[in-house]
Amino acid sequence: MTTILGLYNYWIVIGLMMAGLYVVISRGNLIKKVIGLNVFQTSVILFYVSMGKVKGGTAPILSDEFQVYSNPLPHVLMLTAIVVGVATTAVALALVVRIKEAYDSIEEDEILEQDPTS
């Protein structure tokens, strides 16, 4: 039981991932879908950062005092993922604004009703 409770950050990751996936699948509002994707992305970032930390590890500075090192690569990659995620969110919201101008709605079912190609 202590092992399950000791891995609480992974349970939070699973909860956030399922919540984000549920919002993306179940909602028809495009802005809510973008928010769901952001929640999903946040859970993946939290997962990678959690895996990158080694208990008792320190920064990889070569010294005789330290024996266990944490790998900084996952943290650096997640900083890049955050920047890419913010840019992707900005593009997605800009597309939602253009869709609102073209179809006068951001609800998925109303857009599909108005679209002549479907």
PDB file of N, CA and C in Angstrom:
ATOM      1  N   MET A   1       0.824  -1.203   0.000  1.00  0.00           N
ATOM      2  CA  MET A   1       0.000   0.000   0.000  1.00  0.00           C
ATOM      3  C   MET A   1       0.862   1.259   0.000  1.00  0.00           C
ATOM      4  N   THR A   2       1.990   1.206   0.711  1.00  0.00           N
ATOM      5  CA  THR A   2       2.851   2.383   0.746  1.00  0.00           C
ATOM      6  C   THR A   2       3.493   2.637  -0.611  1.00  0.00           C
ATOM      7  N   THR A   3       3.707   1.576  -1.386  1.00  0.00           N
ATOM      8  CA  THR A   3       4.278   1.786  -2.724  1.00  0.00           C
ATOM      9  C   THR A   3       3.287   2.516  -3.620  1.00  0.00           C
ATOM     10  N   ILE A   4       2.025   2.158  -3.516  1.00  0.00           N
ATOM     11  CA  ILE A   4       1.012   2.814  -4.349  1.00  0.00           C
ATOM     12  C   ILE A   4       0.864   4.272  -3.946  1.00  0.00           C
ATOM     13  N   LEU A   5       0.826   4.542  -2.641  1.00  0.00           N
ATOM     14  CA  LEU A   5       0.699   5.923  -2.178  1.00  0.00           C
ATOM     15  C   LEU A   5       1.986   6.711  -2.394  1.00  0.00           C
ATOM     16  N   GLY A   6       3.119   6.022  -2.422  1.00  0.00           N
ATOM     17  CA  GLY A   6       4.388   6.698  -2.634  1.00  0.00           C
ATOM     18  C   GLY A   6       4.577   7.189  -4.058  1.00  0.00           C
ATOM     19  N   LEU A   7       3.790   6.667  -4.958  1.00  0.00           N
ATOM     20  CA  LEU A   7       3.871   7.081  -6.368  1.00  0.00           C
ATOM     21  C   LEU A   7       2.708   7.997  -6.728  1.00  0.00           C
ATOM     22  N   TYR A   8       2.375   8.910  -5.816  1.00  0.00           N
ATOM     23  CA  TYR A   8       1.208   9.774  -6.028  1.00  0.00           C
ATOM     24  C   TYR A   8       1.328  10.648  -7.266  1.00  0.00           C
ATOM     25  N   ASN A   9       2.548  11.048  -7.637  1.00  0.00           N
ATOM     26  CA  ASN A   9       2.699  11.899  -8.814  1.00  0.00           C
ATOM     27  C   ASN A   9       2.291  11.164 -10.092  1.00  0.00           C
ATOM     28  N   TYR A  10       2.490   9.841 -10.130  1.00  0.00           N
ATOM     29  CA  TYR A  10       2.052   9.086 -11.294  1.00  0.00           C
ATOM     30  C   TYR A  10       0.531   8.957 -11.330  1.00  0.00           C
ATOM     31  N   TRP A  11      -0.093   8.874 -10.163  1.00  0.00           N
ATOM     32  CA  TRP A  11      -1.565   8.866 -10.121  1.00  0.00           C
ATOM     33  C   TRP A  11      -2.125  10.207 -10.580  1.00  0.00           C
ATOM     34  N   ILE A  12      -1.457  11.286 -10.233  1.00  0.00           N
ATOM     35  CA  ILE A  12      -1.882  12.608 -10.699  1.00  0.00           C
ATOM     36  C   ILE A  12      -1.734  12.692 -12.217  1.00  0.00           C
ATOM     37  N   VAL A  13      -0.641  12.152 -12.749  1.00  0.00           N
ATOM     38  CA  VAL A  13      -0.434  12.129 -14.200  1.00  0.00           C
ATOM     39  C   VAL A  13      -1.557  11.367 -14.889  1.00  0.00           C
ATOM     40  N   ILE A  14      -1.912  10.201 -14.349  1.00  0.00           N
ATOM     41  CA  ILE A  14      -2.985   9.401 -14.950  1.00  0.00           C
ATOM     42  C   ILE A  14      -4.305  10.154 -14.894  1.00  0.00           C
ATOM     43  N   GLY A  15      -4.600  10.786 -13.758  1.00  0.00           N
ATOM     44  CA  GLY A  15      -5.839  11.554 -13.627  1.00  0.00           C
ATOM     45  C   GLY A  15      -5.912  12.717 -14.607  1.00  0.00           C
ATOM     46  N   LEU A  16      -4.819  13.467 -14.716  1.00  0.00           N
ATOM     47  CA  LEU A  16      -4.793  14.593 -15.659  1.00  0.00           C
ATOM     48  C   LEU A  16      -4.904  14.118 -17.103  1.00  0.00           C
ATOM     49  N   MET A  17      -4.235  13.018 -17.413  1.00  0.00           N
ATOM     50  CA  MET A  17      -4.267  12.501 -18.779  1.00  0.00           C
ATOM     51  C   MET A  17      -5.681  12.065 -19.166  1.00  0.00           C
ATOM     52  N   MET A  18      -6.342  11.356 -18.272  1.00  0.00           N
ATOM     53  CA  MET A  18      -7.708  10.894 -18.547  1.00  0.00           C
ATOM     54  C   MET A  18      -8.689  12.062 -18.614  1.00  0.00           C
ATOM     55  N   ALA A  19      -8.496  13.070 -17.752  1.00  0.00           N
ATOM     56  CA  ALA A  19      -9.366  14.245 -17.782  1.00  0.00           C
ATOM     57  C   ALA A  19      -9.198  15.005 -19.098  1.00  0.00           C
ATOM     58  N   GLY A  20      -7.951  15.199 -19.525  1.00  0.00           N
ATOM     59  CA  GLY A  20      -7.709  15.895 -20.791  1.00  0.00           C
ATOM     60  C   GLY A  20      -8.256  15.138 -21.981  1.00  0.00           C
ATOM     61  N   LEU A  21      -8.061  13.821 -21.991  1.00  0.00           N
ATOM     62  CA  LEU A  21      -8.590  13.005 -23.079  1.00  0.00           C
ATOM     63  C   LEU A  21     -10.112  13.030 -23.096  1.00  0.00           C
ATOM     64  N   TYR A  22     -10.727  12.978 -21.929  1.00  0.00           N
ATOM     65  CA  TYR A  22     -12.186  13.030 -21.847  1.00  0.00           C
ATOM     66  C   TYR A  22     -12.734  14.349 -22.400  1.00  0.00           C
ATOM     67  N   VAL A  23     -12.091  15.452 -22.054  1.00  0.00           N
ATOM     68  CA  VAL A  23     -12.548  16.760 -22.541  1.00  0.00           C
ATOM     69  C   VAL A  23     -12.426  16.834 -24.058  1.00  0.00           C
ATOM     70  N   VAL A  24     -11.333  16.335 -24.613  1.00  0.00           N
ATOM     71  CA  VAL A  24     -11.135  16.383 -26.066  1.00  0.00           C
ATOM     72  C   VAL A  24     -12.193  15.550 -26.785  1.00  0.00           C
ATOM     73  N   ILE A  25     -12.503  14.374 -26.240  1.00  0.00           N
ATOM     74  CA  ILE A  25     -13.444  13.485 -26.921  1.00  0.00           C
ATOM     75  C   ILE A  25     -14.889  13.910 -26.721  1.00  0.00           C
ATOM     76  N   SER A  26     -15.238  14.364 -25.529  1.00  0.00           N
ATOM     77  CA  SER A  26     -16.652  14.555 -25.207  1.00  0.00           C
ATOM     78  C   SER A  26     -17.198  15.942 -25.528  1.00  0.00           C
ATOM     79  N   ARG A  27     -16.394  16.915 -25.644  1.00  0.00           N
ATOM     80  CA  ARG A  27     -16.881  18.279 -25.839  1.00  0.00           C
ATOM     81  C   ARG A  27     -16.886  18.654 -27.314  1.00  0.00           C
ATOM     82  N   GLY A  28     -17.869  19.466 -27.688  1.00  0.00           N
ATOM     83  CA  GLY A  28     -17.973  19.928 -29.061  1.00  0.00           C
ATOM     84  C   GLY A  28     -17.441  21.340 -29.254  1.00  0.00           C
ATOM     85  N   ASN A  29     -17.215  22.045 -28.155  1.00  0.00           N
ATOM     86  CA  ASN A  29     -16.703  23.404 -28.214  1.00  0.00           C
ATOM     87  C   ASN A  29     -15.209  23.355 -28.524  1.00  0.00           C
ATOM     88  N   LEU A  30     -14.779  24.099 -29.531  1.00  0.00           N
ATOM     89  CA  LEU A  30     -13.383  24.036 -29.965  1.00  0.00           C
ATOM     90  C   LEU A  30     -12.414  24.581 -28.920  1.00  0.00           C
ATOM     91  N   ILE A  31     -12.814  25.597 -28.176  1.00  0.00           N
ATOM     92  CA  ILE A  31     -11.929  26.140 -27.139  1.00  0.00           C
ATOM     93  C   ILE A  31     -11.759  25.124 -26.015  1.00  0.00           C
ATOM     94  N   LYS A  32     -12.831  24.418 -25.668  1.00  0.00           N
ATOM     95  CA  LYS A  32     -12.722  23.380 -24.642  1.00  0.00           C
ATOM     96  C   LYS A  32     -11.818  22.246 -25.117  1.00  0.00           C
ATOM     97  N   LYS A  33     -11.835  21.947 -26.402  1.00  0.00           N
ATOM     98  CA  LYS A  33     -10.939  20.928 -26.938  1.00  0.00           C
ATOM     99  C   LYS A  33      -9.474  21.372 -26.818  1.00  0.00           C
ATOM    100  N   VAL A  34      -9.201  22.632 -27.088  1.00  0.00           N
ATOM    101  CA  VAL A  34      -7.836  23.155 -26.957  1.00  0.00           C
ATOM    102  C   VAL A  34      -7.385  23.087 -25.495  1.00  0.00           C
ATOM    103  N   ILE A  35      -8.281  23.431 -24.584  1.00  0.00           N
ATOM    104  CA  ILE A  35      -7.947  23.351 -23.159  1.00  0.00           C
ATOM    105  C   ILE A  35      -7.694  21.899 -22.756  1.00  0.00           C
ATOM    106  N   GLY A  36      -8.501  20.972 -23.260  1.00  0.00           N
ATOM    107  CA  GLY A  36      -8.284  19.556 -22.974  1.00  0.00           C
ATOM    108  C   GLY A  36      -6.938  19.072 -23.482  1.00  0.00           C
ATOM    109  N   LEU A  37      -6.540  19.528 -24.663  1.00  0.00           N
ATOM    110  CA  LEU A  37      -5.222  19.168 -25.185  1.00  0.00           C
ATOM    111  C   LEU A  37      -4.109  19.729 -24.303  1.00  0.00           C
ATOM    112  N   ASN A  38      -4.310  20.939 -23.770  1.00  0.00           N
ATOM    113  CA  ASN A  38      -3.312  21.522 -22.877  1.00  0.00           C
ATOM    114  C   ASN A  38      -3.210  20.737 -21.571  1.00  0.00           C
ATOM    115  N   VAL A  39      -4.332  20.285 -21.042  1.00  0.00           N
ATOM    116  CA  VAL A  39      -4.292  19.471 -19.825  1.00  0.00           C
ATOM    117  C   VAL A  39      -3.571  18.161 -20.100  1.00  0.00           C
ATOM    118  N   PHE A  40      -3.852  17.545 -21.236  1.00  0.00           N
ATOM    119  CA  PHE A  40      -3.176  16.305 -21.622  1.00  0.00           C
ATOM    120  C   PHE A  40      -1.672  16.533 -21.753  1.00  0.00           C
ATOM    121  N   GLN A  41      -1.296  17.629 -22.385  1.00  0.00           N
ATOM    122  CA  GLN A  41       0.123  17.947 -22.553  1.00  0.00           C
ATOM    123  C   GLN A  41       0.794  18.185 -21.203  1.00  0.00           C
ATOM    124  N   THR A  42       0.102  18.832 -20.302  1.00  0.00           N
ATOM    125  CA  THR A  42       0.650  19.079 -18.969  1.00  0.00           C
ATOM    126  C   THR A  42       0.909  17.765 -18.240  1.00  0.00           C
ATOM    127  N   SER A  43       0.013  16.795 -18.420  1.00  0.00           N
ATOM    128  CA  SER A  43       0.219  15.506 -17.763  1.00  0.00           C
ATOM    129  C   SER A  43       1.452  14.794 -18.324  1.00  0.00           C
ATOM    130  N   VAL A  44       1.674  14.901 -19.618  1.00  0.00           N
ATOM    131  CA  VAL A  44       2.859  14.272 -20.217  1.00  0.00           C
ATOM    132  C   VAL A  44       4.135  14.956 -19.717  1.00  0.00           C
ATOM    133  N   ILE A  45       4.107  16.260 -19.615  1.00  0.00           N
ATOM    134  CA  ILE A  45       5.272  16.995 -19.105  1.00  0.00           C
ATOM    135  C   ILE A  45       5.560  16.598 -17.661  1.00  0.00           C
ATOM    136  N   LEU A  46       4.515  16.517 -16.846  1.00  0.00           N
ATOM    137  CA  LEU A  46       4.685  16.105 -15.459  1.00  0.00           C
ATOM    138  C   LEU A  46       5.236  14.683 -15.366  1.00  0.00           C
ATOM    139  N   PHE A  47       4.790  13.820 -16.266  1.00  0.00           N
ATOM    140  CA  PHE A  47       5.282  12.440 -16.295  1.00  0.00           C
ATOM    141  C   PHE A  47       6.777  12.392 -16.588  1.00  0.00           C
ATOM    142  N   TYR A  48       7.220  13.121 -17.599  1.00  0.00           N
ATOM    143  CA  TYR A  48       8.643  13.113 -17.949  1.00  0.00           C
ATOM    144  C   TYR A  48       9.502  13.728 -16.849  1.00  0.00           C
ATOM    145  N   VAL A  49       9.030  14.797 -16.241  1.00  0.00           N
ATOM    146  CA  VAL A  49       9.802  15.423 -15.166  1.00  0.00           C
ATOM    147  C   VAL A  49       9.874  14.488 -13.964  1.00  0.00           C
ATOM    148  N   SER A  50       8.783  13.783 -13.676  1.00  0.00           N
ATOM    149  CA  SER A  50       8.788  12.827 -12.561  1.00  0.00           C
ATOM    150  C   SER A  50       9.757  11.685 -12.814  1.00  0.00           C
ATOM    151  N   MET A  51       9.820  11.217 -14.042  1.00  0.00           N
ATOM    152  CA  MET A  51      10.731  10.123 -14.355  1.00  0.00           C
ATOM    153  C   MET A  51      12.188  10.572 -14.359  1.00  0.00           C
ATOM    154  N   GLY A  52      12.430  11.832 -14.641  1.00  0.00           N
ATOM    155  CA  GLY A  52      13.800  12.320 -14.743  1.00  0.00           C
ATOM    156  C   GLY A  52      14.472  12.544 -13.401  1.00  0.00           C
ATOM    157  N   LYS A  53      13.688  12.607 -12.331  1.00  0.00           N
ATOM    158  CA  LYS A  53      14.268  12.832 -11.007  1.00  0.00           C
ATOM    159  C   LYS A  53      14.670  11.511 -10.366  1.00  0.00           C
ATOM    160  N   VAL A  54      15.913  11.441  -9.896  1.00  0.00           N
ATOM    161  CA  VAL A  54      16.429  10.261  -9.209  1.00  0.00           C
ATOM    162  C   VAL A  54      16.508  10.589  -7.727  1.00  0.00           C
ATOM    163  N   LYS A  55      15.966   9.711  -6.887  1.00  0.00           N
ATOM    164  CA  LYS A  55      15.983   9.953  -5.449  1.00  0.00           C
ATOM    165  C   LYS A  55      17.423   9.971  -4.941  1.00  0.00           C
ATOM    166  N   GLY A  56      17.772  11.070  -4.309  1.00  0.00           N
ATOM    167  CA  GLY A  56      19.131  11.213  -3.793  1.00  0.00           C
ATOM    168  C   GLY A  56      20.120  11.689  -4.834  1.00  0.00           C
ATOM    169  N   GLY A  57      19.659  11.912  -6.052  1.00  0.00           N
ATOM    170  CA  GLY A  57      20.550  12.337  -7.122  1.00  0.00           C
ATOM    171  C   GLY A  57      20.820  13.823  -7.082  1.00  0.00           C
ATOM    172  N   THR A  58      21.921  14.212  -7.657  1.00  0.00           N
ATOM    173  CA  THR A  58      22.299  15.612  -7.726  1.00  0.00           C
ATOM    174  C   THR A  58      22.590  15.976  -9.178  1.00  0.00           C
ATOM    175  N   ALA A  59      22.891  17.237  -9.409  1.00  0.00           N
ATOM    176  CA  ALA A  59      23.238  17.683 -10.751  1.00  0.00           C
ATOM    177  C   ALA A  59      24.510  16.967 -11.212  1.00  0.00           C
ATOM    178  N   PRO A  60      24.607  16.679 -12.505  1.00  0.00           N
ATOM    179  CA  PRO A  60      25.769  15.911 -12.989  1.00  0.00           C
ATOM    180  C   PRO A  60      27.048  16.744 -13.039  1.00  0.00           C
ATOM    181  N   ILE A  61      27.543  17.072 -11.858  1.00  0.00           N
ATOM    182  CA  ILE A  61      28.815  17.777 -11.734  1.00  0.00           C
ATOM    183  C   ILE A  61      29.831  16.761 -11.235  1.00  0.00           C
ATOM    184  N   LEU A  62      30.869  16.553 -12.003  1.00  0.00           N
ATOM    185  CA  LEU A  62      31.839  15.523 -11.642  1.00  0.00           C
ATOM    186  C   LEU A  62      32.601  15.930 -10.391  1.00  0.00           C
ATOM    187  N   SER A  63      32.424  15.109  -9.373  1.00  0.00           N
ATOM    188  CA  SER A  63      33.102  15.330  -8.112  1.00  0.00           C
ATOM    189  C   SER A  63      33.167  13.997  -7.377  1.00  0.00           C
ATOM    190  N   ASP A  64      34.127  13.858  -6.520  1.00  0.00           N
ATOM    191  CA  ASP A  64      34.243  12.627  -5.746  1.00  0.00           C
ATOM    192  C   ASP A  64      33.196  12.543  -4.637  1.00  0.00           C
ATOM    193  N   GLU A  65      32.563  13.676  -4.294  1.00  0.00           N
ATOM    194  CA  GLU A  65      31.576  13.694  -3.221  1.00  0.00           C
ATOM    195  C   GLU A  65      30.258  13.031  -3.627  1.00  0.00           C
ATOM    196  N   PHE A  66      29.905  13.077  -4.901  1.00  0.00           N
ATOM    197  CA  PHE A  66      28.600  12.596  -5.356  1.00  0.00           C
ATOM    198  C   PHE A  66      28.737  11.247  -6.058  1.00  0.00           C
ATOM    199  N   GLN A  67      27.782  10.388  -5.804  1.00  0.00           N
ATOM    200  CA  GLN A  67      27.765   9.074  -6.436  1.00  0.00           C
ATOM    201  C   GLN A  67      26.571   8.884  -7.369  1.00  0.00           C
ATOM    202  N   VAL A  68      25.438   9.534  -7.048  1.00  0.00           N
ATOM    203  CA  VAL A  68      24.205   9.360  -7.812  1.00  0.00           C
ATOM    204  C   VAL A  68      23.868  10.681  -8.496  1.00  0.00           C
ATOM    205  N   TYR A  69      23.613  10.609  -9.790  1.00  0.00           N
ATOM    206  CA  TYR A  69      23.323  11.811 -10.563  1.00  0.00           C
ATOM    207  C   TYR A  69      21.931  11.720 -11.184  1.00  0.00           C
ATOM    208  N   SER A  70      21.281  12.881 -11.308  1.00  0.00           N
ATOM    209  CA  SER A  70      20.013  12.972 -12.024  1.00  0.00           C
ATOM    210  C   SER A  70      20.310  13.414 -13.449  1.00  0.00           C
ATOM    211  N   ASN A  71      19.580  12.862 -14.378  1.00  0.00           N
ATOM    212  CA  ASN A  71      19.759  13.222 -15.781  1.00  0.00           C
ATOM    213  C   ASN A  71      18.988  14.509 -16.069  1.00  0.00           C
ATOM    214  N   PRO A  72      19.642  15.581 -16.504  1.00  0.00           N
ATOM    215  CA  PRO A  72      18.931  16.836 -16.765  1.00  0.00           C
ATOM    216  C   PRO A  72      18.235  16.866 -18.126  1.00  0.00           C
ATOM    217  N   LEU A  73      18.481  15.883 -18.982  1.00  0.00           N
ATOM    218  CA  LEU A  73      17.917  15.911 -20.331  1.00  0.00           C
ATOM    219  C   LEU A  73      16.387  15.924 -20.355  1.00  0.00           C
ATOM    220  N   PRO A  74      15.675  15.108 -19.549  1.00  0.00           N
ATOM    221  CA  PRO A  74      14.209  15.186 -19.587  1.00  0.00           C
ATOM    222  C   PRO A  74      13.672  16.561 -19.204  1.00  0.00           C
ATOM    223  N   HIS A  75      14.307  17.214 -18.253  1.00  0.00           N
ATOM    224  CA  HIS A  75      13.852  18.539 -17.838  1.00  0.00           C
ATOM    225  C   HIS A  75      14.064  19.568 -18.947  1.00  0.00           C
ATOM    226  N   VAL A  76      15.195  19.475 -19.614  1.00  0.00           N
ATOM    227  CA  VAL A  76      15.479  20.402 -20.715  1.00  0.00           C
ATOM    228  C   VAL A  76      14.510  20.172 -21.873  1.00  0.00           C
ATOM    229  N   LEU A  77      14.252  18.903 -22.184  1.00  0.00           N
ATOM    230  CA  LEU A  77      13.309  18.603 -23.263  1.00  0.00           C
ATOM    231  C   LEU A  77      11.906  19.087 -22.930  1.00  0.00           C
ATOM    232  N   MET A  78      11.518  19.028 -21.670  1.00  0.00           N
ATOM    233  CA  MET A  78      10.184  19.480 -21.286  1.00  0.00           C
ATOM    234  C   MET A  78      10.084  20.999 -21.315  1.00  0.00           C
ATOM    235  N   LEU A  79      11.179  21.697 -21.077  1.00  0.00           N
ATOM    236  CA  LEU A  79      11.161  23.155 -21.275  1.00  0.00           C
ATOM    237  C   LEU A  79      10.883  23.478 -22.738  1.00  0.00           C
ATOM    238  N   THR A  80      11.505  22.737 -23.635  1.00  0.00           N
ATOM    239  CA  THR A  80      11.243  22.912 -25.056  1.00  0.00           C
ATOM    240  C   THR A  80       9.799  22.556 -25.383  1.00  0.00           C
ATOM    241  N   ALA A  81       9.280  21.490 -24.766  1.00  0.00           N
ATOM    242  CA  ALA A  81       7.899  21.085 -25.006  1.00  0.00           C
ATOM    243  C   ALA A  81       6.911  22.141 -24.526  1.00  0.00           C
ATOM    244  N   ILE A  82       7.227  22.816 -23.432  1.00  0.00           N
ATOM    245  CA  ILE A  82       6.356  23.887 -22.939  1.00  0.00           C
ATOM    246  C   ILE A  82       6.304  25.026 -23.943  1.00  0.00           C
ATOM    247  N   VAL A  83       7.455  25.414 -24.480  1.00  0.00           N
ATOM    248  CA  VAL A  83       7.495  26.506 -25.462  1.00  0.00           C
ATOM    249  C   VAL A  83       6.718  26.122 -26.718  1.00  0.00           C
ATOM    250  N   VAL A  84       6.921  24.906 -27.194  1.00  0.00           N
ATOM    251  CA  VAL A  84       6.196  24.435 -28.383  1.00  0.00           C
ATOM    252  C   VAL A  84       4.700  24.353 -28.086  1.00  0.00           C
ATOM    253  N   GLY A  85       4.334  23.927 -26.887  1.00  0.00           N
ATOM    254  CA  GLY A  85       2.926  23.841 -26.504  1.00  0.00           C
ATOM    255  C   GLY A  85       2.248  25.201 -26.467  1.00  0.00           C
ATOM    256  N   VAL A  86       2.941  26.211 -25.966  1.00  0.00           N
ATOM    257  CA  VAL A  86       2.370  27.558 -25.947  1.00  0.00           C
ATOM    258  C   VAL A  86       2.173  28.076 -27.371  1.00  0.00           C
ATOM    259  N   ALA A  87       3.140  27.840 -28.237  1.00  0.00           N
ATOM    260  CA  ALA A  87       3.016  28.272 -29.633  1.00  0.00           C
ATOM    261  C   ALA A  87       1.880  27.524 -30.338  1.00  0.00           C
ATOM    262  N   THR A  88       1.761  26.235 -30.085  1.00  0.00           N
ATOM    263  CA  THR A  88       0.689  25.448 -30.692  1.00  0.00           C
ATOM    264  C   THR A  88      -0.672  25.912 -30.193  1.00  0.00           C
ATOM    265  N   THR A  89      -0.770  26.227 -28.921  1.00  0.00           N
ATOM    266  CA  THR A  89      -2.019  26.742 -28.370  1.00  0.00           C
ATOM    267  C   THR A  89      -2.394  28.071 -29.005  1.00  0.00           C
ATOM    268  N   ALA A  90      -1.404  28.920 -29.214  1.00  0.00           N
ATOM    269  CA  ALA A  90      -1.679  30.209 -29.858  1.00  0.00           C
ATOM    270  C   ALA A  90      -2.193  30.020 -31.286  1.00  0.00           C
ATOM    271  N   VAL A  91      -1.589  29.103 -32.025  1.00  0.00           N
ATOM    272  CA  VAL A  91      -2.049  28.822 -33.390  1.00  0.00           C
ATOM    273  C   VAL A  91      -3.450  28.223 -33.370  1.00  0.00           C
ATOM    274  N   ALA A  92      -3.700  27.314 -32.432  1.00  0.00           N
ATOM    275  CA  ALA A  92      -5.027  26.694 -32.342  1.00  0.00           C
ATOM    276  C   ALA A  92      -6.097  27.736 -32.012  1.00  0.00           C
ATOM    277  N   LEU A  93      -5.808  28.631 -31.098  1.00  0.00           N
ATOM    278  CA  LEU A  93      -6.787  29.670 -30.763  1.00  0.00           C
ATOM    279  C   LEU A  93      -6.978  30.652 -31.910  1.00  0.00           C
ATOM    280  N   ALA A  94      -5.920  30.928 -32.661  1.00  0.00           N
ATOM    281  CA  ALA A  94      -6.068  31.779 -33.841  1.00  0.00           C
ATOM    282  C   ALA A  94      -6.959  31.106 -34.882  1.00  0.00           C
ATOM    283  N   LEU A  95      -6.806  29.780 -35.041  1.00  0.00           N
ATOM    284  CA  LEU A  95      -7.680  29.044 -35.956  1.00  0.00           C
ATOM    285  C   LEU A  95      -9.124  29.045 -35.474  1.00  0.00           C
ATOM    286  N   VAL A  96      -9.322  28.962 -34.169  1.00  0.00           N
ATOM    287  CA  VAL A  96     -10.683  29.015 -33.632  1.00  0.00           C
ATOM    288  C   VAL A  96     -11.314  30.377 -33.925  1.00  0.00           C
ATOM    289  N   VAL A  97     -10.522  31.437 -33.816  1.00  0.00           N
ATOM    290  CA  VAL A  97     -11.039  32.774 -34.140  1.00  0.00           C
ATOM    291  C   VAL A  97     -11.441  32.846 -35.615  1.00  0.00           C
ATOM    292  N   ARG A  98     -10.617  32.304 -36.499  1.00  0.00           N
ATOM    293  CA  ARG A  98     -10.945  32.310 -37.939  1.00  0.00           C
ATOM    294  C   ARG A  98     -12.180  31.454 -38.231  1.00  0.00           C
ATOM    295  N   ILE A  99     -12.311  30.323 -37.550  1.00  0.00           N
ATOM    296  CA  ILE A  99     -13.493  29.475 -37.731  1.00  0.00           C
ATOM    297  C   ILE A  99     -14.733  30.210 -37.241  1.00  0.00           C
ATOM    298  N   LYS A 100     -14.615  30.925 -36.130  1.00  0.00           N
ATOM    299  CA  LYS A 100     -15.749  31.715 -35.615  1.00  0.00           C
ATOM    300  C   LYS A 100     -16.161  32.780 -36.613  1.00  0.00           C
ATOM    301  N   GLU A 101     -15.196  33.413 -37.266  1.00  0.00           N
ATOM    302  CA  GLU A 101     -15.515  34.426 -38.275  1.00  0.00           C
ATOM    303  C   GLU A 101     -16.181  33.804 -39.497  1.00  0.00           C
ATOM    304  N   ALA A 102     -15.724  32.624 -39.901  1.00  0.00           N
ATOM    305  CA  ALA A 102     -16.246  31.994 -41.116  1.00  0.00           C
ATOM    306  C   ALA A 102     -17.599  31.336 -40.894  1.00  0.00           C
ATOM    307  N   TYR A 103     -17.799  30.668 -39.771  1.00  0.00           N
ATOM    308  CA  TYR A 103     -19.014  29.883 -39.540  1.00  0.00           C
ATOM    309  C   TYR A 103     -19.917  30.475 -38.471  1.00  0.00           C
ATOM    310  N   ASP A 104     -19.484  31.534 -37.808  1.00  0.00           N
ATOM    311  CA  ASP A 104     -20.244  32.199 -36.758  1.00  0.00           C
ATOM    312  C   ASP A 104     -20.567  31.252 -35.602  1.00  0.00           C
ATOM    313  N   SER A 105     -19.705  30.286 -35.371  1.00  0.00           N
ATOM    314  CA  SER A 105     -19.890  29.337 -34.269  1.00  0.00           C
ATOM    315  C   SER A 105     -18.566  28.641 -33.987  1.00  0.00           C
ATOM    316  N   ILE A 106     -18.418  28.202 -32.737  1.00  0.00           N
ATOM    317  CA  ILE A 106     -17.259  27.389 -32.399  1.00  0.00           C
ATOM    318  C   ILE A 106     -17.695  26.008 -31.906  1.00  0.00           C
ATOM    319  N   GLU A 107     -18.946  25.677 -32.103  1.00  0.00           N
ATOM    320  CA  GLU A 107     -19.460  24.349 -31.775  1.00  0.00           C
ATOM    321  C   GLU A 107     -19.271  23.430 -32.973  1.00  0.00           C
ATOM    322  N   GLU A 108     -18.697  22.273 -32.727  1.00  0.00           N
ATOM    323  CA  GLU A 108     -18.325  21.355 -33.799  1.00  0.00           C
ATOM    324  C   GLU A 108     -19.525  20.893 -34.622  1.00  0.00           C
ATOM    325  N   ASP A 109     -20.633  20.570 -33.978  1.00  0.00           N
ATOM    326  CA  ASP A 109     -21.795  20.067 -34.718  1.00  0.00           C
ATOM    327  C   ASP A 109     -22.432  21.145 -35.582  1.00  0.00           C
ATOM    328  N   GLU A 110     -22.455  22.389 -35.123  1.00  0.00           N
ATOM    329  CA  GLU A 110     -22.999  23.495 -35.923  1.00  0.00           C
ATOM    330  C   GLU A 110     -22.119  23.784 -37.131  1.00  0.00           C
ATOM    331  N   ILE A 111     -20.810  23.661 -36.972  1.00  0.00           N
ATOM    332  CA  ILE A 111     -19.896  23.866 -38.091  1.00  0.00           C
ATOM    333  C   ILE A 111     -20.072  22.789 -39.145  1.00  0.00           C
ATOM    334  N   LEU A 112     -20.227  21.545 -38.709  1.00  0.00           N
ATOM    335  CA  LEU A 112     -20.408  20.440 -39.652  1.00  0.00           C
ATOM    336  C   LEU A 112     -21.738  20.544 -40.405  1.00  0.00           C
ATOM    337  N   GLU A 113     -22.766  21.106 -39.782  1.00  0.00           N
ATOM    338  CA  GLU A 113     -24.043  21.313 -40.458  1.00  0.00           C
ATOM    339  C   GLU A 113     -23.925  22.359 -41.560  1.00  0.00           C
ATOM    340  N   GLN A 114     -23.110  23.377 -41.339  1.00  0.00           N
ATOM    341  CA  GLN A 114     -22.976  24.457 -42.301  1.00  0.00           C
ATOM    342  C   GLN A 114     -21.986  24.137 -43.416  1.00  0.00           C
ATOM    343  N   ASP A 115     -21.098  23.197 -43.205  1.00  0.00           N
ATOM    344  CA  ASP A 115     -20.054  22.909 -44.172  1.00  0.00           C
ATOM    345  C   ASP A 115     -20.629  22.177 -45.365  1.00  0.00           C
ATOM    346  N   PRO A 116     -20.503  22.708 -46.575  1.00  0.00           N
ATOM    347  CA  PRO A 116     -21.080  22.065 -47.761  1.00  0.00           C
ATOM    348  C   PRO A 116     -20.298  20.838 -48.244  1.00  0.00           C
ATOM    349  N   THR A 117     -19.056  20.689 -47.826  1.00  0.00           N
ATOM    350  CA  THR A 117     -18.243  19.567 -48.321  1.00  0.00           C
ATOM    351  C   THR A 117     -18.476  18.264 -47.570  1.00  0.00           C
ATOM    352  N   SER A 118     -19.157  18.320 -46.415  1.00  0.00           N
ATOM    353  CA  SER A 118     -19.336  17.080 -45.663  1.00  0.00           C
ATOM    354  C   SER A 118     -20.668  16.419 -45.928  1.00  0.00           C
TER     355      SER A 118
END
